[in-house]
Amino acid sequence: MTWITENPFWLCTTGILLGVFFFVLFVHTQNRRFLLLTIAAGIFTIGSFTVEQLIVTDREAINSLIYKLARNVKENDVQAILDSLAPENTEVRGQVNQLMPACEFRICRVTQRPTVMYIRKSDAEIQFPVFAQVHQSPYGAGTSKVDVKLQLEKREGRWLIKDYGYRLPGEEEYHY
């Protein structure tokens, strides 16, 4: 069903093509049935698009979280990052509180579509590369591509970061 709720391209394209086809038939024949079918195809197209916009799947919510997180890191918005974390993970919260105020990011963007390791009803694991340019940090300045792995949990309809890991270029293992 994700082809309907995540990408209604084919349904909308089919509706538009049917609408054009029925409209051409109406113009050539002046048969009102084709005009009604044209209207029905328009309603079908608008309905397909509306359904896609109203239904937010777990995959879409997770992608939104990831891109919002990258934007928050770039803007050095510590509170927004803390709001994305599961409340009981005091270790990660402490790392964010300690490290983020000392960093100044110029660029932080997700460079490829996130790879879904798994998504269940209440947890997920996602992996994605991030390109970051740090102007100032306790570890120095620089530009790097980093692979990030997030372990997420769903609470009250919202995805939160339970744990994270990162891997620098050339490394095999993730650091947690």
C-alpha atoms as a PDB file:
ATOM      1  CA  MET A   1       0.000   0.000   0.000  1.00  0.00           C
ATOM      2  CA  THR A   2       2.964   2.375   0.241  1.00  0.00           C
ATOM      3  CA  TRP A   3       2.673   3.033  -3.478  1.00  0.00           C
ATOM      4  CA  ILE A   4      -0.584   4.823  -2.652  1.00  0.00           C
ATOM      5  CA  THR A   5       0.268   6.484   0.658  1.00  0.00           C
ATOM      6  CA  GLU A   6       3.897   7.423  -0.003  1.00  0.00           C
ATOM      7  CA  ASN A   7       3.905   8.113  -3.717  1.00  0.00           C
ATOM      8  CA  PRO A   8       0.619   8.547  -5.541  1.00  0.00           C
ATOM      9  CA  PHE A   9       2.412   9.367  -8.806  1.00  0.00           C
ATOM     10  CA  TRP A  10       0.954   6.478 -10.805  1.00  0.00           C
ATOM     11  CA  LEU A  11      -2.566   6.947  -9.485  1.00  0.00           C
ATOM     12  CA  CYS A  12      -2.493  10.688 -10.194  1.00  0.00           C
ATOM     13  CA  THR A  13      -0.924  10.151 -13.616  1.00  0.00           C
ATOM     14  CA  THR A  14      -3.586   7.576 -14.469  1.00  0.00           C
ATOM     15  CA  GLY A  15      -6.325   9.956 -13.347  1.00  0.00           C
ATOM     16  CA  ILE A  16      -4.913  12.810 -15.430  1.00  0.00           C
ATOM     17  CA  LEU A  17      -4.493  10.631 -18.531  1.00  0.00           C
ATOM     18  CA  LEU A  18      -8.038   9.278 -18.182  1.00  0.00           C
ATOM     19  CA  GLY A  19      -9.331  12.825 -17.689  1.00  0.00           C
ATOM     20  CA  VAL A  20      -7.602  14.030 -20.858  1.00  0.00           C
ATOM     21  CA  PHE A  21      -8.787  10.976 -22.801  1.00  0.00           C
ATOM     22  CA  PHE A  22     -12.415  11.400 -21.723  1.00  0.00           C
ATOM     23  CA  PHE A  23     -12.277  15.153 -22.372  1.00  0.00           C
ATOM     24  CA  VAL A  24     -10.996  14.584 -25.929  1.00  0.00           C
ATOM     25  CA  LEU A  25     -13.823  12.076 -26.451  1.00  0.00           C
ATOM     26  CA  PHE A  26     -16.324  14.606 -25.103  1.00  0.00           C
ATOM     27  CA  VAL A  27     -15.041  17.345 -27.434  1.00  0.00           C
ATOM     28  CA  HIS A  28     -15.282  15.063 -30.473  1.00  0.00           C
ATOM     29  CA  THR A  29     -18.614  13.402 -29.663  1.00  0.00           C
ATOM     30  CA  GLN A  30     -20.356  15.986 -27.429  1.00  0.00           C
ATOM     31  CA  ASN A  31     -21.616  12.994 -25.408  1.00  0.00           C
ATOM     32  CA  ARG A  32     -22.251  14.162 -21.812  1.00  0.00           C
ATOM     33  CA  ARG A  33     -21.217  10.792 -20.387  1.00  0.00           C
ATOM     34  CA  PHE A  34     -17.626  11.561 -21.350  1.00  0.00           C
ATOM     35  CA  LEU A  35     -17.857  14.912 -19.574  1.00  0.00           C
ATOM     36  CA  LEU A  36     -19.033  13.113 -16.424  1.00  0.00           C
ATOM     37  CA  LEU A  37     -16.176  10.608 -16.778  1.00  0.00           C
ATOM     38  CA  THR A  38     -13.753  13.543 -17.149  1.00  0.00           C
ATOM     39  CA  ILE A  39     -15.059  15.019 -13.889  1.00  0.00           C
ATOM     40  CA  ALA A  40     -14.851  11.616 -12.188  1.00  0.00           C
ATOM     41  CA  ALA A  41     -11.212  11.254 -13.325  1.00  0.00           C
ATOM     42  CA  GLY A  42     -10.474  14.715 -11.894  1.00  0.00           C
ATOM     43  CA  ILE A  43     -12.076  13.778  -8.569  1.00  0.00           C
ATOM     44  CA  PHE A  44     -10.089  10.513  -8.570  1.00  0.00           C
ATOM     45  CA  THR A  45      -6.832  12.422  -9.154  1.00  0.00           C
ATOM     46  CA  ILE A  46      -7.523  15.006  -6.457  1.00  0.00           C
ATOM     47  CA  GLY A  47      -8.655  12.267  -4.056  1.00  0.00           C
ATOM     48  CA  SER A  48      -5.497  10.211  -4.616  1.00  0.00           C
ATOM     49  CA  PHE A  49      -3.300  13.204  -3.954  1.00  0.00           C
ATOM     50  CA  THR A  50      -5.317  14.222  -0.878  1.00  0.00           C
ATOM     51  CA  VAL A  51      -5.127  10.729   0.627  1.00  0.00           C
ATOM     52  CA  GLU A  52      -1.335  10.735   0.156  1.00  0.00           C
ATOM     53  CA  GLN A  53      -1.013  14.091   1.889  1.00  0.00           C
ATOM     54  CA  LEU A  54      -3.233  13.124   4.828  1.00  0.00           C
ATOM     55  CA  ILE A  55      -1.692   9.736   5.583  1.00  0.00           C
ATOM     56  CA  VAL A  56       1.802   9.984   7.071  1.00  0.00           C
ATOM     57  CA  THR A  57       3.448   6.571   7.073  1.00  0.00           C
ATOM     58  CA  ASP A  58       6.164   5.554   9.524  1.00  0.00           C
ATOM     59  CA  ARG A  59       8.743   5.762   6.745  1.00  0.00           C
ATOM     60  CA  GLU A  60       7.694   9.340   5.906  1.00  0.00           C
ATOM     61  CA  ALA A  61       7.727  10.345   9.594  1.00  0.00           C
ATOM     62  CA  ILE A  62      11.211   8.864  10.036  1.00  0.00           C
ATOM     63  CA  ASN A  63      12.534  10.617   6.917  1.00  0.00           C
ATOM     64  CA  SER A  64      11.089  13.876   8.200  1.00  0.00           C
ATOM     65  CA  LEU A  65      12.820  13.331  11.562  1.00  0.00           C
ATOM     66  CA  ILE A  66      16.164  12.654   9.868  1.00  0.00           C
ATOM     67  CA  TYR A  67      16.087  15.738   7.635  1.00  0.00           C
ATOM     68  CA  LYS A  68      14.831  17.924  10.484  1.00  0.00           C
ATOM     69  CA  LEU A  69      17.631  16.591  12.692  1.00  0.00           C
ATOM     70  CA  ALA A  70      20.265  17.481  10.063  1.00  0.00           C
ATOM     71  CA  ARG A  71      18.777  20.984   9.795  1.00  0.00           C
ATOM     72  CA  ASN A  72      18.822  21.360  13.601  1.00  0.00           C
ATOM     73  CA  VAL A  73      22.468  20.255  13.769  1.00  0.00           C
ATOM     74  CA  LYS A  74      23.403  22.777  11.062  1.00  0.00           C
ATOM     75  CA  GLU A  75      21.595  25.518  12.984  1.00  0.00           C
ATOM     76  CA  ASN A  76      23.192  24.360  16.273  1.00  0.00           C
ATOM     77  CA  ASP A  77      19.718  24.117  17.811  1.00  0.00           C
ATOM     78  CA  VAL A  78      20.508  22.053  20.910  1.00  0.00           C
ATOM     79  CA  GLN A  79      16.953  22.139  22.303  1.00  0.00           C
ATOM     80  CA  ALA A  80      15.434  20.854  19.064  1.00  0.00           C
ATOM     81  CA  ILE A  81      17.930  17.986  19.041  1.00  0.00           C
ATOM     82  CA  LEU A  82      17.144  17.177  22.680  1.00  0.00           C
ATOM     83  CA  ASP A  83      13.427  17.159  21.802  1.00  0.00           C
ATOM     84  CA  SER A  84      14.167  14.435  19.236  1.00  0.00           C
ATOM     85  CA  LEU A  85      15.720  12.128  21.854  1.00  0.00           C
ATOM     86  CA  ALA A  86      13.974   9.547  23.977  1.00  0.00           C
ATOM     87  CA  PRO A  87      13.716  11.045  27.487  1.00  0.00           C
ATOM     88  CA  GLU A  88      15.310   8.162  29.406  1.00  0.00           C
ATOM     89  CA  ASN A  89      18.501   8.144  27.345  1.00  0.00           C
ATOM     90  CA  THR A  90      20.515  10.335  29.707  1.00  0.00           C
ATOM     91  CA  GLU A  91      23.861   9.303  28.211  1.00  0.00           C
ATOM     92  CA  VAL A  92      23.006  10.603  24.720  1.00  0.00           C
ATOM     93  CA  ARG A  93      21.357  13.698  26.221  1.00  0.00           C
ATOM     94  CA  GLY A  94      24.550  14.393  28.174  1.00  0.00           C
ATOM     95  CA  GLN A  95      26.677  14.002  25.025  1.00  0.00           C
ATOM     96  CA  VAL A  96      24.451  16.428  23.114  1.00  0.00           C
ATOM     97  CA  ASN A  97      24.439  18.947  25.980  1.00  0.00           C
ATOM     98  CA  GLN A  98      28.211  18.744  26.276  1.00  0.00           C
ATOM     99  CA  LEU A  99      29.242  18.659  22.619  1.00  0.00           C
ATOM    100  CA  MET A 100      26.679  20.720  20.673  1.00  0.00           C
ATOM    101  CA  PRO A 101      27.225  24.095  22.407  1.00  0.00           C
ATOM    102  CA  ALA A 102      30.956  23.784  21.684  1.00  0.00           C
ATOM    103  CA  CYS A 103      30.410  23.117  17.956  1.00  0.00           C
ATOM    104  CA  GLU A 104      29.682  25.446  15.092  1.00  0.00           C
ATOM    105  CA  PHE A 105      28.399  23.657  12.006  1.00  0.00           C
ATOM    106  CA  ARG A 106      28.379  25.358   8.617  1.00  0.00           C
ATOM    107  CA  ILE A 107      26.919  22.440   6.656  1.00  0.00           C
ATOM    108  CA  CYS A 108      25.045  19.338   7.731  1.00  0.00           C
ATOM    109  CA  ARG A 109      23.002  17.501   5.154  1.00  0.00           C
ATOM    110  CA  VAL A 110      21.864  13.980   4.434  1.00  0.00           C
ATOM    111  CA  THR A 111      23.548  12.991   1.161  1.00  0.00           C
ATOM    112  CA  GLN A 112      21.587   9.863   0.262  1.00  0.00           C
ATOM    113  CA  ARG A 113      18.160   8.491   0.929  1.00  0.00           C
ATOM    114  CA  PRO A 114      18.169   6.769   4.338  1.00  0.00           C
ATOM    115  CA  THR A 115      18.517   2.983   4.299  1.00  0.00           C
ATOM    116  CA  VAL A 116      15.902   1.262   6.409  1.00  0.00           C
ATOM    117  CA  MET A 117      17.385  -1.642   8.328  1.00  0.00           C
ATOM    118  CA  TYR A 118      13.947  -2.393   9.795  1.00  0.00           C
ATOM    119  CA  ILE A 119      10.752  -0.633  10.824  1.00  0.00           C
ATOM    120  CA  ARG A 120       8.386  -2.267  13.298  1.00  0.00           C
ATOM    121  CA  LYS A 121       5.368  -0.847  15.092  1.00  0.00           C
ATOM    122  CA  SER A 122       7.377   0.564  17.985  1.00  0.00           C
ATOM    123  CA  ASP A 123      11.024   0.651  16.868  1.00  0.00           C
ATOM    124  CA  ALA A 124      13.216   1.103  13.821  1.00  0.00           C
ATOM    125  CA  GLU A 125      16.826   1.246  12.728  1.00  0.00           C
ATOM    126  CA  ILE A 126      17.921   3.615   9.971  1.00  0.00           C
ATOM    127  CA  GLN A 127      21.297   4.220   8.377  1.00  0.00           C
ATOM    128  CA  PHE A 128      22.311   7.210   6.232  1.00  0.00           C
ATOM    129  CA  PRO A 129      25.368   9.247   5.208  1.00  0.00           C
ATOM    130  CA  VAL A 130      25.751  12.846   6.326  1.00  0.00           C
ATOM    131  CA  PHE A 131      28.063  15.479   4.885  1.00  0.00           C
ATOM    132  CA  ALA A 132      29.127  17.935   7.577  1.00  0.00           C
ATOM    133  CA  GLN A 133      31.418  20.928   7.753  1.00  0.00           C
ATOM    134  CA  VAL A 134      32.404  21.952  11.262  1.00  0.00           C
ATOM    135  CA  HIS A 135      33.902  25.401  11.682  1.00  0.00           C
ATOM    136  CA  GLN A 136      34.662  24.899  15.364  1.00  0.00           C
ATOM    137  CA  SER A 137      34.493  21.913  17.733  1.00  0.00           C
ATOM    138  CA  PRO A 138      36.483  20.370  20.607  1.00  0.00           C
ATOM    139  CA  TYR A 139      37.980  17.991  18.032  1.00  0.00           C
ATOM    140  CA  GLY A 140      38.958  20.731  15.559  1.00  0.00           C
ATOM    141  CA  ALA A 141      37.475  22.011  12.318  1.00  0.00           C
ATOM    142  CA  GLY A 142      36.955  20.162   9.094  1.00  0.00           C
ATOM    143  CA  THR A 143      34.702  18.671   6.482  1.00  0.00           C
ATOM    144  CA  SER A 144      33.748  15.031   6.443  1.00  0.00           C
ATOM    145  CA  LYS A 145      31.254  12.469   5.321  1.00  0.00           C
ATOM    146  CA  VAL A 146      29.976  10.419   8.242  1.00  0.00           C
ATOM    147  CA  ASP A 147      27.711   7.370   8.186  1.00  0.00           C
ATOM    148  CA  VAL A 148      25.060   7.611  10.892  1.00  0.00           C
ATOM    149  CA  LYS A 149      22.928   4.825  12.329  1.00  0.00           C
ATOM    150  CA  LEU A 150      19.877   5.682  14.431  1.00  0.00           C
ATOM    151  CA  GLN A 151      17.906   3.365  16.643  1.00  0.00           C
ATOM    152  CA  LEU A 152      14.434   4.830  16.980  1.00  0.00           C
ATOM    153  CA  GLU A 153      11.397   4.130  19.091  1.00  0.00           C
ATOM    154  CA  LYS A 154       7.841   5.250  18.590  1.00  0.00           C
ATOM    155  CA  ARG A 155       6.020   6.886  21.492  1.00  0.00           C
ATOM    156  CA  GLU A 156       2.564   8.371  21.298  1.00  0.00           C
ATOM    157  CA  GLY A 157       2.742   8.438  17.505  1.00  0.00           C
ATOM    158  CA  ARG A 158       6.115  10.205  17.438  1.00  0.00           C
ATOM    159  CA  TRP A 159       9.500   8.757  16.492  1.00  0.00           C
ATOM    160  CA  LEU A 160      12.334   9.498  18.950  1.00  0.00           C
ATOM    161  CA  ILE A 161      16.032   8.657  18.871  1.00  0.00           C
ATOM    162  CA  LYS A 162      16.845   5.897  21.333  1.00  0.00           C
ATOM    163  CA  ASP A 163      20.525   5.573  20.416  1.00  0.00           C
ATOM    164  CA  TYR A 164      22.878   6.588  17.636  1.00  0.00           C
ATOM    165  CA  GLY A 165      26.158   5.536  16.153  1.00  0.00           C
ATOM    166  CA  TYR A 166      28.525   7.027  13.624  1.00  0.00           C
ATOM    167  CA  ARG A 167      31.260   5.716  11.381  1.00  0.00           C
ATOM    168  CA  LEU A 168      33.972   7.834   9.788  1.00  0.00           C
ATOM    169  CA  PRO A 169      35.184   7.085   6.235  1.00  0.00           C
ATOM    170  CA  GLY A 170      37.369   3.998   6.094  1.00  0.00           C
ATOM    171  CA  GLU A 171      36.152   2.597   9.414  1.00  0.00           C
ATOM    172  CA  GLU A 172      34.325  -0.699   9.697  1.00  0.00           C
ATOM    173  CA  GLU A 173      32.596  -0.362  13.061  1.00  0.00           C
ATOM    174  CA  TYR A 174      30.119   2.212  14.339  1.00  0.00           C
ATOM    175  CA  HIS A 175      30.973   4.247  17.450  1.00  0.00           C
ATOM    176  CA  TYR A 176      28.103   4.454  19.944  1.00  0.00           C
END
